[in-house]
N, C-alpha and C. Protein backbone atom coordinates (compact mmCIF):
# COMPACT_ATOMS: atom_id res chain seq x y z
N UNK A 1 16.55 5.28 -3.87
CA UNK A 1 15.88 4.11 -4.44
C UNK A 1 15.02 4.52 -5.63
N UNK A 2 14.35 5.67 -5.53
CA UNK A 2 13.48 6.11 -6.62
C UNK A 2 14.28 6.34 -7.90
N UNK A 3 15.48 6.95 -7.76
CA UNK A 3 16.33 7.18 -8.93
C UNK A 3 16.73 5.86 -9.58
N UNK A 4 17.04 4.87 -8.73
CA UNK A 4 17.43 3.56 -9.27
C UNK A 4 16.24 2.88 -9.94
N UNK A 5 15.05 3.04 -9.35
CA UNK A 5 13.87 2.41 -9.94
C UNK A 5 13.60 2.96 -11.33
N UNK A 6 13.55 4.29 -11.43
CA UNK A 6 13.21 4.90 -12.72
C UNK A 6 14.40 4.91 -13.67
N UNK A 7 15.57 5.24 -13.15
CA UNK A 7 16.75 5.35 -14.01
C UNK A 7 17.32 4.01 -14.41
N UNK A 8 17.87 3.31 -13.43
CA UNK A 8 18.55 2.04 -13.70
C UNK A 8 17.58 0.98 -14.21
N UNK A 9 16.45 0.82 -13.51
CA UNK A 9 15.47 -0.19 -13.93
C UNK A 9 14.85 0.12 -15.28
N UNK A 10 14.46 1.40 -15.47
CA UNK A 10 13.87 1.80 -16.74
C UNK A 10 14.84 1.65 -17.90
N UNK A 11 16.10 2.04 -17.67
CA UNK A 11 17.12 1.89 -18.71
C UNK A 11 17.34 0.43 -19.08
N UNK A 12 17.42 -0.41 -18.06
CA UNK A 12 17.67 -1.84 -18.31
C UNK A 12 16.54 -2.43 -19.15
N UNK A 13 15.30 -2.14 -18.76
CA UNK A 13 14.16 -2.68 -19.50
C UNK A 13 14.13 -2.11 -20.92
N UNK A 14 14.28 -0.79 -21.04
CA UNK A 14 14.20 -0.14 -22.35
C UNK A 14 15.28 -0.61 -23.31
N UNK A 15 16.53 -0.63 -22.83
CA UNK A 15 17.64 -1.03 -23.71
C UNK A 15 17.52 -2.48 -24.12
N UNK A 16 17.21 -3.35 -23.16
CA UNK A 16 17.10 -4.78 -23.48
C UNK A 16 15.93 -5.02 -24.43
N UNK A 17 14.81 -4.32 -24.20
CA UNK A 17 13.65 -4.49 -25.06
C UNK A 17 13.97 -4.05 -26.49
N UNK A 18 14.66 -2.91 -26.63
CA UNK A 18 15.01 -2.42 -27.96
C UNK A 18 16.01 -3.33 -28.66
N UNK A 19 16.99 -3.85 -27.90
CA UNK A 19 17.97 -4.77 -28.50
C UNK A 19 17.30 -6.04 -29.02
N UNK A 20 16.44 -6.62 -28.19
CA UNK A 20 15.75 -7.86 -28.61
C UNK A 20 14.81 -7.56 -29.78
N UNK A 21 14.12 -6.42 -29.72
CA UNK A 21 13.22 -6.05 -30.81
C UNK A 21 14.00 -5.86 -32.11
N UNK A 22 15.15 -5.19 -32.02
CA UNK A 22 15.99 -5.00 -33.20
C UNK A 22 16.47 -6.31 -33.78
N UNK A 23 16.89 -7.22 -32.89
CA UNK A 23 17.35 -8.54 -33.34
C UNK A 23 16.22 -9.30 -34.01
N UNK A 24 15.01 -9.22 -33.44
CA UNK A 24 13.87 -9.92 -34.03
C UNK A 24 13.51 -9.33 -35.38
N UNK A 25 13.61 -8.01 -35.51
CA UNK A 25 13.29 -7.37 -36.80
C UNK A 25 14.33 -7.71 -37.86
N UNK A 26 15.59 -7.86 -37.46
CA UNK A 26 16.60 -8.25 -38.45
C UNK A 26 16.39 -9.68 -38.92
N UNK A 27 15.68 -10.48 -38.13
CA UNK A 27 15.37 -11.85 -38.54
C UNK A 27 14.10 -11.92 -39.37
N UNK A 28 13.50 -10.75 -39.66
CA UNK A 28 12.36 -10.73 -40.55
C UNK A 28 11.01 -10.55 -39.90
N UNK A 29 10.94 -10.38 -38.59
CA UNK A 29 9.64 -10.18 -37.95
C UNK A 29 9.17 -8.75 -38.13
N UNK A 30 7.86 -8.57 -38.17
CA UNK A 30 7.26 -7.24 -38.24
C UNK A 30 7.48 -6.52 -36.91
N UNK A 31 7.36 -5.18 -36.89
CA UNK A 31 7.61 -4.45 -35.64
C UNK A 31 6.72 -4.87 -34.47
N UNK A 32 5.44 -5.18 -34.72
CA UNK A 32 4.54 -5.57 -33.63
C UNK A 32 4.99 -6.83 -32.90
N UNK A 33 5.16 -7.94 -33.62
CA UNK A 33 5.64 -9.15 -32.96
C UNK A 33 7.04 -8.98 -32.36
N UNK A 34 7.89 -8.19 -33.03
CA UNK A 34 9.24 -7.96 -32.50
C UNK A 34 9.17 -7.22 -31.17
N UNK A 35 8.26 -6.24 -31.07
CA UNK A 35 8.08 -5.52 -29.81
C UNK A 35 7.56 -6.45 -28.72
N UNK A 36 6.60 -7.31 -29.09
CA UNK A 36 6.06 -8.26 -28.11
C UNK A 36 7.16 -9.17 -27.57
N UNK A 37 8.00 -9.68 -28.45
CA UNK A 37 9.10 -10.55 -28.02
C UNK A 37 10.09 -9.76 -27.18
N UNK A 38 10.36 -8.50 -27.58
CA UNK A 38 11.27 -7.66 -26.80
C UNK A 38 10.76 -7.42 -25.39
N UNK A 39 9.44 -7.16 -25.26
CA UNK A 39 8.88 -6.94 -23.92
C UNK A 39 8.98 -8.20 -23.07
N UNK A 40 8.71 -9.34 -23.68
CA UNK A 40 8.75 -10.60 -22.93
C UNK A 40 10.16 -10.91 -22.46
N UNK A 41 11.14 -10.76 -23.34
CA UNK A 41 12.51 -11.14 -23.00
C UNK A 41 13.27 -10.06 -22.24
N UNK A 42 12.66 -8.88 -22.04
CA UNK A 42 13.32 -7.82 -21.26
C UNK A 42 13.20 -8.07 -19.77
N UNK A 43 12.39 -9.04 -19.38
CA UNK A 43 12.15 -9.31 -17.96
C UNK A 43 12.94 -10.53 -17.50
N UNK A 44 13.18 -10.59 -16.21
CA UNK A 44 13.88 -11.74 -15.65
C UNK A 44 13.11 -12.24 -14.43
N UNK A 45 13.50 -13.38 -13.91
CA UNK A 45 12.78 -13.99 -12.80
C UNK A 45 13.23 -13.39 -11.47
N UNK A 46 12.32 -12.68 -10.83
CA UNK A 46 12.62 -12.06 -9.54
C UNK A 46 12.96 -13.12 -8.51
N UNK A 47 12.21 -14.19 -8.48
CA UNK A 47 12.40 -15.23 -7.47
C UNK A 47 13.79 -15.83 -7.53
N UNK A 48 14.23 -16.19 -8.72
CA UNK A 48 15.54 -16.84 -8.86
C UNK A 48 16.66 -15.88 -8.51
N UNK A 49 16.58 -14.64 -9.01
CA UNK A 49 17.65 -13.67 -8.75
C UNK A 49 17.71 -13.32 -7.27
N UNK A 50 16.56 -13.09 -6.63
CA UNK A 50 16.57 -12.77 -5.20
C UNK A 50 17.11 -13.92 -4.37
N UNK A 51 16.76 -15.14 -4.72
CA UNK A 51 17.27 -16.30 -3.99
C UNK A 51 18.79 -16.37 -4.12
N UNK A 52 19.30 -16.14 -5.31
CA UNK A 52 20.75 -16.17 -5.52
C UNK A 52 21.44 -15.07 -4.73
N UNK A 53 20.88 -13.85 -4.76
CA UNK A 53 21.48 -12.74 -4.01
C UNK A 53 21.47 -13.01 -2.52
N UNK A 54 20.39 -13.58 -2.02
CA UNK A 54 20.28 -13.88 -0.59
C UNK A 54 21.27 -14.97 -0.19
N UNK A 55 21.36 -16.02 -0.99
CA UNK A 55 22.28 -17.12 -0.68
C UNK A 55 23.73 -16.65 -0.64
N UNK A 56 24.08 -15.72 -1.51
CA UNK A 56 25.46 -15.24 -1.57
C UNK A 56 25.70 -14.05 -0.65
N UNK A 57 24.66 -13.61 0.08
CA UNK A 57 24.79 -12.50 1.02
C UNK A 57 25.04 -11.16 0.35
N UNK A 58 24.49 -10.97 -0.83
CA UNK A 58 24.74 -9.74 -1.59
C UNK A 58 23.60 -8.73 -1.52
N UNK A 59 22.51 -9.06 -0.81
CA UNK A 59 21.35 -8.17 -0.79
C UNK A 59 21.65 -6.81 -0.16
N UNK A 60 22.54 -6.76 0.81
CA UNK A 60 22.81 -5.50 1.51
C UNK A 60 23.93 -4.69 0.87
N UNK A 61 24.52 -5.20 -0.19
CA UNK A 61 25.59 -4.48 -0.89
C UNK A 61 24.95 -3.48 -1.88
N UNK A 62 25.72 -2.47 -2.30
CA UNK A 62 25.17 -1.53 -3.29
C UNK A 62 24.71 -2.23 -4.58
N UNK A 63 25.48 -3.22 -5.03
CA UNK A 63 25.08 -3.97 -6.22
C UNK A 63 23.80 -4.74 -6.00
N UNK A 64 23.65 -5.31 -4.81
CA UNK A 64 22.43 -6.05 -4.49
C UNK A 64 21.21 -5.14 -4.46
N UNK A 65 21.38 -3.94 -3.89
CA UNK A 65 20.27 -2.98 -3.85
C UNK A 65 19.91 -2.51 -5.27
N UNK A 66 20.93 -2.29 -6.09
CA UNK A 66 20.67 -1.88 -7.47
C UNK A 66 19.94 -2.99 -8.23
N UNK A 67 20.38 -4.22 -8.03
CA UNK A 67 19.73 -5.36 -8.68
C UNK A 67 18.28 -5.47 -8.23
N UNK A 68 18.04 -5.29 -6.93
CA UNK A 68 16.68 -5.35 -6.41
C UNK A 68 15.81 -4.26 -7.03
N UNK A 69 16.36 -3.06 -7.20
CA UNK A 69 15.57 -1.98 -7.80
C UNK A 69 15.22 -2.29 -9.25
N UNK A 70 16.14 -2.92 -9.98
CA UNK A 70 15.85 -3.31 -11.37
C UNK A 70 14.74 -4.36 -11.38
N UNK A 71 14.83 -5.34 -10.47
CA UNK A 71 13.80 -6.38 -10.40
C UNK A 71 12.44 -5.80 -10.04
N UNK A 72 12.43 -4.84 -9.11
CA UNK A 72 11.18 -4.20 -8.71
C UNK A 72 10.58 -3.43 -9.88
N UNK A 73 11.42 -2.75 -10.64
CA UNK A 73 10.94 -2.03 -11.82
C UNK A 73 10.34 -3.01 -12.83
N UNK A 74 10.99 -4.15 -13.01
CA UNK A 74 10.46 -5.16 -13.93
C UNK A 74 9.11 -5.67 -13.45
N UNK A 75 8.98 -5.86 -12.14
CA UNK A 75 7.71 -6.34 -11.59
C UNK A 75 6.58 -5.37 -11.91
N UNK A 76 6.85 -4.08 -11.75
CA UNK A 76 5.83 -3.07 -12.01
C UNK A 76 5.59 -2.92 -13.52
N UNK A 77 6.63 -3.08 -14.32
CA UNK A 77 6.52 -2.90 -15.77
C UNK A 77 5.68 -3.99 -16.44
N UNK A 78 5.46 -5.08 -15.75
CA UNK A 78 4.66 -6.17 -16.33
C UNK A 78 3.26 -5.69 -16.68
N UNK A 79 2.67 -4.85 -15.83
CA UNK A 79 1.28 -4.43 -16.05
C UNK A 79 1.14 -3.59 -17.32
N UNK A 80 1.93 -2.50 -17.50
CA UNK A 80 1.77 -1.78 -18.76
C UNK A 80 2.14 -2.61 -19.99
N UNK A 81 3.13 -3.48 -19.84
CA UNK A 81 3.49 -4.35 -20.97
C UNK A 81 2.32 -5.26 -21.33
N UNK A 82 1.67 -5.76 -20.32
CA UNK A 82 0.52 -6.64 -20.54
C UNK A 82 -0.59 -5.88 -21.26
N UNK A 83 -0.78 -4.62 -20.87
CA UNK A 83 -1.80 -3.81 -21.52
C UNK A 83 -1.44 -3.50 -22.97
N UNK A 84 -0.17 -3.27 -23.22
CA UNK A 84 0.26 -2.98 -24.59
C UNK A 84 0.04 -4.17 -25.52
N UNK A 85 -0.01 -5.37 -24.95
CA UNK A 85 -0.29 -6.55 -25.78
C UNK A 85 -1.64 -6.42 -26.46
N UNK A 86 -2.59 -5.71 -25.81
CA UNK A 86 -3.90 -5.49 -26.44
C UNK A 86 -3.76 -4.74 -27.75
N UNK A 87 -2.85 -3.76 -27.77
CA UNK A 87 -2.67 -2.97 -28.99
C UNK A 87 -2.00 -3.78 -30.09
N UNK A 88 -1.22 -4.77 -29.70
CA UNK A 88 -0.45 -5.54 -30.67
C UNK A 88 -1.21 -6.74 -31.23
N UNK A 89 -2.27 -7.16 -30.54
CA UNK A 89 -2.99 -8.35 -30.99
C UNK A 89 -3.84 -8.03 -32.21
N UNK A 90 -4.05 -9.05 -33.00
CA UNK A 90 -4.93 -8.92 -34.16
C UNK A 90 -6.16 -9.77 -33.88
N UNK A 91 -7.36 -9.28 -34.27
CA UNK A 91 -8.57 -10.04 -33.96
C UNK A 91 -8.65 -11.39 -34.64
N UNK A 92 -8.06 -11.52 -35.83
CA UNK A 92 -8.13 -12.77 -36.56
C UNK A 92 -6.75 -13.43 -36.55
N UNK A 93 -6.60 -14.55 -35.80
CA UNK A 93 -5.30 -15.18 -35.74
C UNK A 93 -4.83 -15.77 -37.05
N UNK A 94 -5.68 -15.77 -38.06
CA UNK A 94 -5.27 -16.32 -39.34
C UNK A 94 -4.54 -15.34 -40.23
N UNK A 95 -4.23 -14.14 -39.73
CA UNK A 95 -3.58 -13.12 -40.55
C UNK A 95 -2.07 -13.33 -40.59
N UNK A 96 -1.65 -14.44 -41.07
CA UNK A 96 -0.22 -14.68 -41.25
C UNK A 96 0.46 -15.15 -39.98
N UNK A 97 1.75 -15.42 -40.14
CA UNK A 97 2.56 -15.95 -39.04
C UNK A 97 2.68 -14.94 -37.89
N UNK A 98 2.84 -13.66 -38.23
CA UNK A 98 2.98 -12.63 -37.20
C UNK A 98 1.69 -12.51 -36.39
N UNK A 99 0.54 -12.56 -37.08
CA UNK A 99 -0.74 -12.49 -36.36
C UNK A 99 -0.92 -13.67 -35.44
N UNK A 100 -0.55 -14.85 -35.90
CA UNK A 100 -0.67 -16.04 -35.07
C UNK A 100 0.25 -15.96 -33.86
N UNK A 101 1.46 -15.42 -34.05
CA UNK A 101 2.41 -15.26 -32.95
C UNK A 101 1.85 -14.31 -31.89
N UNK A 102 1.31 -13.16 -32.33
CA UNK A 102 0.76 -12.20 -31.38
C UNK A 102 -0.46 -12.76 -30.68
N UNK A 103 -1.34 -13.42 -31.43
CA UNK A 103 -2.52 -14.01 -30.82
C UNK A 103 -2.13 -15.03 -29.77
N UNK A 104 -1.13 -15.86 -30.07
CA UNK A 104 -0.67 -16.87 -29.12
C UNK A 104 -0.06 -16.25 -27.88
N UNK A 105 0.74 -15.18 -28.05
CA UNK A 105 1.35 -14.51 -26.90
C UNK A 105 0.29 -13.86 -26.04
N UNK A 106 -0.69 -13.21 -26.66
CA UNK A 106 -1.75 -12.57 -25.90
C UNK A 106 -2.61 -13.60 -25.19
N UNK A 107 -2.91 -14.70 -25.88
CA UNK A 107 -3.73 -15.75 -25.27
C UNK A 107 -3.00 -16.38 -24.08
N UNK A 108 -1.70 -16.61 -24.22
CA UNK A 108 -0.92 -17.19 -23.12
C UNK A 108 -0.86 -16.24 -21.94
N UNK A 109 -0.87 -14.93 -22.20
CA UNK A 109 -0.81 -13.95 -21.13
C UNK A 109 -2.19 -13.72 -20.52
N UNK A 110 -3.24 -14.29 -21.10
CA UNK A 110 -4.57 -14.16 -20.53
C UNK A 110 -5.34 -12.97 -21.05
N UNK A 111 -4.85 -12.32 -22.10
CA UNK A 111 -5.54 -11.16 -22.64
C UNK A 111 -6.74 -11.65 -23.44
N UNK A 112 -7.90 -11.13 -23.07
CA UNK A 112 -9.09 -11.40 -23.85
C UNK A 112 -9.79 -12.71 -23.55
N UNK A 113 -9.43 -13.41 -22.48
CA UNK A 113 -10.14 -14.65 -22.19
C UNK A 113 -10.93 -14.51 -20.90
N UNK A 114 -11.87 -15.39 -20.73
CA UNK A 114 -12.56 -15.50 -19.46
C UNK A 114 -13.77 -14.60 -19.32
N UNK A 115 -14.95 -15.19 -19.20
CA UNK A 115 -16.17 -14.59 -18.72
C UNK A 115 -16.56 -13.23 -19.27
N UNK A 116 -17.53 -12.63 -18.54
CA UNK A 116 -18.04 -11.33 -18.89
C UNK A 116 -17.03 -10.26 -18.53
N UNK A 117 -16.94 -9.26 -19.35
CA UNK A 117 -16.02 -8.16 -19.07
C UNK A 117 -16.68 -6.86 -19.47
N UNK A 118 -16.44 -5.82 -18.68
CA UNK A 118 -16.97 -4.50 -19.00
C UNK A 118 -16.27 -3.88 -20.19
N UNK A 119 -15.12 -4.43 -20.57
CA UNK A 119 -14.37 -3.87 -21.69
C UNK A 119 -14.48 -4.74 -22.95
N UNK A 120 -15.29 -5.79 -22.90
CA UNK A 120 -15.49 -6.62 -24.10
C UNK A 120 -16.10 -5.77 -25.21
N UNK A 121 -15.61 -5.96 -26.40
CA UNK A 121 -16.14 -5.24 -27.54
C UNK A 121 -15.45 -3.92 -27.81
N UNK A 122 -14.65 -3.44 -26.87
CA UNK A 122 -13.91 -2.20 -27.10
C UNK A 122 -12.68 -2.48 -27.94
N UNK A 123 -12.27 -1.51 -28.75
CA UNK A 123 -11.02 -1.69 -29.49
C UNK A 123 -9.84 -1.80 -28.53
N UNK A 124 -8.76 -2.40 -29.00
CA UNK A 124 -7.60 -2.63 -28.15
C UNK A 124 -7.06 -1.38 -27.50
N UNK A 125 -7.04 -0.24 -28.23
CA UNK A 125 -6.47 0.98 -27.65
C UNK A 125 -7.34 1.50 -26.52
N UNK A 126 -8.68 1.32 -26.61
CA UNK A 126 -9.56 1.76 -25.53
C UNK A 126 -9.41 0.87 -24.30
N UNK A 127 -9.25 -0.44 -24.53
CA UNK A 127 -9.01 -1.35 -23.41
C UNK A 127 -7.72 -0.97 -22.70
N UNK A 128 -6.70 -0.62 -23.48
CA UNK A 128 -5.42 -0.21 -22.89
C UNK A 128 -5.60 1.05 -22.05
N UNK A 129 -6.33 2.04 -22.58
CA UNK A 129 -6.56 3.28 -21.82
C UNK A 129 -7.34 3.01 -20.54
N UNK A 130 -8.38 2.19 -20.64
CA UNK A 130 -9.17 1.87 -19.45
C UNK A 130 -8.32 1.14 -18.42
N UNK A 131 -7.46 0.23 -18.88
CA UNK A 131 -6.58 -0.50 -17.97
C UNK A 131 -5.63 0.44 -17.26
N UNK A 132 -4.99 1.34 -18.02
CA UNK A 132 -4.08 2.31 -17.39
C UNK A 132 -4.82 3.20 -16.40
N UNK A 133 -6.05 3.63 -16.76
CA UNK A 133 -6.83 4.48 -15.85
C UNK A 133 -7.18 3.73 -14.57
N UNK A 134 -7.55 2.46 -14.69
CA UNK A 134 -7.90 1.68 -13.50
C UNK A 134 -6.68 1.47 -12.61
N UNK A 135 -5.54 1.18 -13.22
CA UNK A 135 -4.31 1.00 -12.43
C UNK A 135 -3.93 2.31 -11.76
N UNK A 136 -4.06 3.43 -12.50
CA UNK A 136 -3.75 4.74 -11.92
C UNK A 136 -4.68 5.04 -10.75
N UNK A 137 -5.96 4.68 -10.88
CA UNK A 137 -6.90 4.91 -9.78
C UNK A 137 -6.51 4.12 -8.54
N UNK A 138 -6.08 2.87 -8.73
CA UNK A 138 -5.65 2.06 -7.58
C UNK A 138 -4.39 2.65 -6.96
N UNK A 139 -3.43 3.07 -7.80
CA UNK A 139 -2.18 3.63 -7.27
C UNK A 139 -2.42 4.95 -6.56
N UNK A 140 -3.18 5.86 -7.19
CA UNK A 140 -3.45 7.16 -6.58
C UNK A 140 -4.28 6.99 -5.31
N UNK A 141 -5.28 6.11 -5.36
CA UNK A 141 -6.05 5.83 -4.15
C UNK A 141 -5.18 5.27 -3.05
N UNK A 142 -4.25 4.39 -3.43
CA UNK A 142 -3.33 3.83 -2.45
C UNK A 142 -2.41 4.87 -1.85
N UNK A 143 -1.99 5.83 -2.66
CA UNK A 143 -1.07 6.85 -2.17
C UNK A 143 -1.77 7.88 -1.29
N UNK A 144 -2.95 8.33 -1.71
CA UNK A 144 -3.58 9.46 -1.04
C UNK A 144 -4.71 9.09 -0.09
N UNK A 145 -5.29 7.93 -0.20
CA UNK A 145 -6.39 7.56 0.67
C UNK A 145 -6.00 6.59 1.78
N UNK A 146 -5.08 5.68 1.48
CA UNK A 146 -4.75 4.68 2.51
C UNK A 146 -3.93 5.26 3.65
N UNK A 147 -3.06 6.23 3.38
CA UNK A 147 -2.26 6.81 4.48
C UNK A 147 -3.14 7.44 5.55
N UNK A 148 -4.06 8.35 5.17
CA UNK A 148 -4.93 8.91 6.21
C UNK A 148 -5.79 7.85 6.89
N UNK A 149 -6.25 6.87 6.12
CA UNK A 149 -7.06 5.80 6.69
C UNK A 149 -6.27 5.02 7.73
N UNK A 150 -5.04 4.63 7.39
CA UNK A 150 -4.24 3.85 8.33
C UNK A 150 -3.76 4.69 9.51
N UNK A 151 -3.55 5.99 9.32
CA UNK A 151 -3.22 6.86 10.46
C UNK A 151 -4.37 6.88 11.46
N UNK A 152 -5.59 7.00 10.92
CA UNK A 152 -6.76 7.01 11.78
C UNK A 152 -6.91 5.67 12.52
N UNK A 153 -6.72 4.59 11.79
CA UNK A 153 -6.85 3.26 12.40
C UNK A 153 -5.74 3.00 13.40
N UNK A 154 -4.56 3.56 13.15
CA UNK A 154 -3.43 3.37 14.07
C UNK A 154 -3.71 3.94 15.45
N UNK A 155 -4.57 4.95 15.51
CA UNK A 155 -4.90 5.55 16.80
C UNK A 155 -5.59 4.56 17.72
N UNK A 156 -6.22 3.55 17.18
CA UNK A 156 -6.89 2.54 18.01
C UNK A 156 -5.89 1.62 18.69
N UNK A 157 -4.65 1.57 18.18
CA UNK A 157 -3.57 0.74 18.74
C UNK A 157 -3.94 -0.75 18.77
N UNK A 158 -4.73 -1.18 17.82
CA UNK A 158 -5.10 -2.59 17.71
C UNK A 158 -4.60 -3.12 16.37
N UNK A 159 -3.69 -4.05 16.46
CA UNK A 159 -3.10 -4.62 15.25
C UNK A 159 -4.13 -5.35 14.40
N UNK A 160 -5.10 -5.95 15.04
CA UNK A 160 -6.11 -6.71 14.31
C UNK A 160 -6.91 -5.82 13.37
N UNK A 161 -7.20 -4.59 13.81
CA UNK A 161 -7.97 -3.67 12.96
C UNK A 161 -7.14 -3.27 11.74
N UNK A 162 -5.85 -3.07 11.94
CA UNK A 162 -4.98 -2.74 10.81
C UNK A 162 -4.95 -3.89 9.80
N UNK A 163 -4.82 -5.10 10.31
CA UNK A 163 -4.80 -6.27 9.43
C UNK A 163 -6.13 -6.42 8.70
N UNK A 164 -7.23 -6.24 9.42
CA UNK A 164 -8.55 -6.37 8.81
C UNK A 164 -8.76 -5.30 7.74
N UNK A 165 -8.28 -4.10 7.98
CA UNK A 165 -8.41 -3.03 6.99
C UNK A 165 -7.60 -3.33 5.75
N UNK A 166 -6.38 -3.81 5.94
CA UNK A 166 -5.54 -4.17 4.79
C UNK A 166 -6.22 -5.27 3.96
N UNK A 167 -6.78 -6.27 4.64
CA UNK A 167 -7.48 -7.34 3.93
C UNK A 167 -8.72 -6.81 3.21
N UNK A 168 -9.42 -5.88 3.86
CA UNK A 168 -10.61 -5.29 3.24
C UNK A 168 -10.25 -4.55 1.95
N UNK A 169 -9.12 -3.84 1.97
CA UNK A 169 -8.68 -3.13 0.76
C UNK A 169 -8.36 -4.12 -0.35
N UNK A 170 -7.64 -5.18 -0.01
CA UNK A 170 -7.29 -6.19 -1.01
C UNK A 170 -8.55 -6.85 -1.56
N UNK A 171 -9.48 -7.19 -0.69
CA UNK A 171 -10.73 -7.83 -1.11
C UNK A 171 -11.55 -6.88 -1.98
N UNK A 172 -11.56 -5.59 -1.64
CA UNK A 172 -12.31 -4.61 -2.44
C UNK A 172 -11.74 -4.50 -3.85
N UNK A 173 -10.42 -4.47 -3.96
CA UNK A 173 -9.80 -4.41 -5.29
C UNK A 173 -10.09 -5.69 -6.06
N UNK A 174 -10.01 -6.81 -5.37
CA UNK A 174 -10.28 -8.11 -6.01
C UNK A 174 -11.74 -8.21 -6.44
N UNK A 175 -12.66 -7.70 -5.60
CA UNK A 175 -14.08 -7.74 -5.94
C UNK A 175 -14.36 -6.88 -7.16
N UNK A 176 -13.67 -5.74 -7.28
CA UNK A 176 -13.87 -4.91 -8.47
C UNK A 176 -13.37 -5.63 -9.72
N UNK A 177 -12.37 -6.49 -9.56
CA UNK A 177 -11.90 -7.29 -10.69
C UNK A 177 -12.97 -8.26 -11.16
N UNK A 178 -13.73 -8.80 -10.22
CA UNK A 178 -14.73 -9.81 -10.56
C UNK A 178 -15.88 -9.24 -11.37
N UNK A 179 -16.02 -7.91 -11.39
CA UNK A 179 -17.07 -7.32 -12.22
C UNK A 179 -16.69 -7.34 -13.69
N UNK A 180 -15.48 -7.79 -13.98
CA UNK A 180 -15.06 -7.88 -15.37
C UNK A 180 -14.30 -6.67 -15.85
N UNK A 181 -13.86 -5.84 -14.93
CA UNK A 181 -13.08 -4.67 -15.31
C UNK A 181 -11.70 -5.05 -15.82
N UNK A 182 -10.87 -4.05 -16.11
CA UNK A 182 -9.57 -4.32 -16.71
C UNK A 182 -8.53 -4.82 -15.74
N UNK A 183 -8.78 -4.75 -14.43
CA UNK A 183 -7.75 -5.13 -13.48
C UNK A 183 -7.46 -6.62 -13.39
N UNK A 184 -8.26 -7.52 -13.94
CA UNK A 184 -7.84 -8.91 -13.91
C UNK A 184 -6.50 -9.14 -14.57
N UNK A 185 -6.13 -8.29 -15.55
CA UNK A 185 -4.82 -8.43 -16.17
C UNK A 185 -3.72 -8.19 -15.15
N UNK A 186 -3.93 -7.24 -14.26
CA UNK A 186 -2.93 -6.98 -13.22
C UNK A 186 -2.87 -8.15 -12.26
N UNK A 187 -4.03 -8.79 -12.04
CA UNK A 187 -4.08 -9.91 -11.10
C UNK A 187 -3.37 -11.13 -11.67
N UNK A 188 -3.32 -11.23 -13.01
CA UNK A 188 -2.73 -12.41 -13.63
C UNK A 188 -1.22 -12.37 -13.68
N UNK A 189 -0.61 -11.35 -13.08
CA UNK A 189 0.86 -11.28 -13.07
C UNK A 189 1.38 -12.53 -12.38
N UNK A 190 2.36 -13.20 -12.94
CA UNK A 190 2.86 -14.43 -12.33
C UNK A 190 3.33 -14.21 -10.90
N UNK A 191 3.23 -15.24 -10.08
CA UNK A 191 3.66 -15.13 -8.69
C UNK A 191 5.10 -14.67 -8.63
N UNK A 192 5.38 -13.82 -7.66
CA UNK A 192 6.72 -13.28 -7.54
C UNK A 192 6.83 -11.94 -8.23
N UNK A 193 5.88 -11.63 -9.12
CA UNK A 193 5.90 -10.33 -9.79
C UNK A 193 4.79 -9.43 -9.26
N UNK A 194 3.75 -9.97 -8.68
CA UNK A 194 2.62 -9.15 -8.27
C UNK A 194 2.67 -8.68 -6.84
N UNK A 195 3.59 -9.20 -6.04
CA UNK A 195 3.60 -8.87 -4.62
C UNK A 195 3.87 -7.40 -4.37
N UNK A 196 4.62 -6.75 -5.23
CA UNK A 196 4.97 -5.35 -5.00
C UNK A 196 3.84 -4.41 -5.37
N UNK A 197 2.79 -4.90 -6.01
CA UNK A 197 1.74 -4.02 -6.49
C UNK A 197 0.79 -3.59 -5.38
N UNK A 198 0.66 -4.37 -4.31
CA UNK A 198 -0.29 -4.01 -3.26
C UNK A 198 0.36 -3.61 -2.00
């Protein structure tokens, strides 16, 4: 599964993104807006594809598993793509058609809106680095801290404690988002794309 996630899923996203970006650039768009459009159109709807695969009974076939791995890769790729939008946005939406397009795409994705933030005022590249670092901290913490924690809790043989601990972890990550850190972007992933992150 890991090979399919990184290989097949990564190839699908990369090739499709480059093809769409190339097509957009041949139509006269600058590289920044073309990349933004390529990232957006490189993704597909997990919900619709999974429903179709399930209805046709294809989920347990090799093709169904490969399709699921591509969809899972797309779900995870949304977060770095969302962060890269920070690098592509221009502070003044009046800087031509390309600037307006990027500003609109970033605004629609929720980049840079809403309340107090610990990253307000930072340049786009620093916000991107902080976002990647925060996501890496959640992933590494999830990999190396939750296993020992859940092993210890499993010794109690009480399902309620396991459920309460899982909820506590989710609430803790959500509470850290409320401080205005970079993780609200990860939280804004559309439904059907964010379930695999936790």
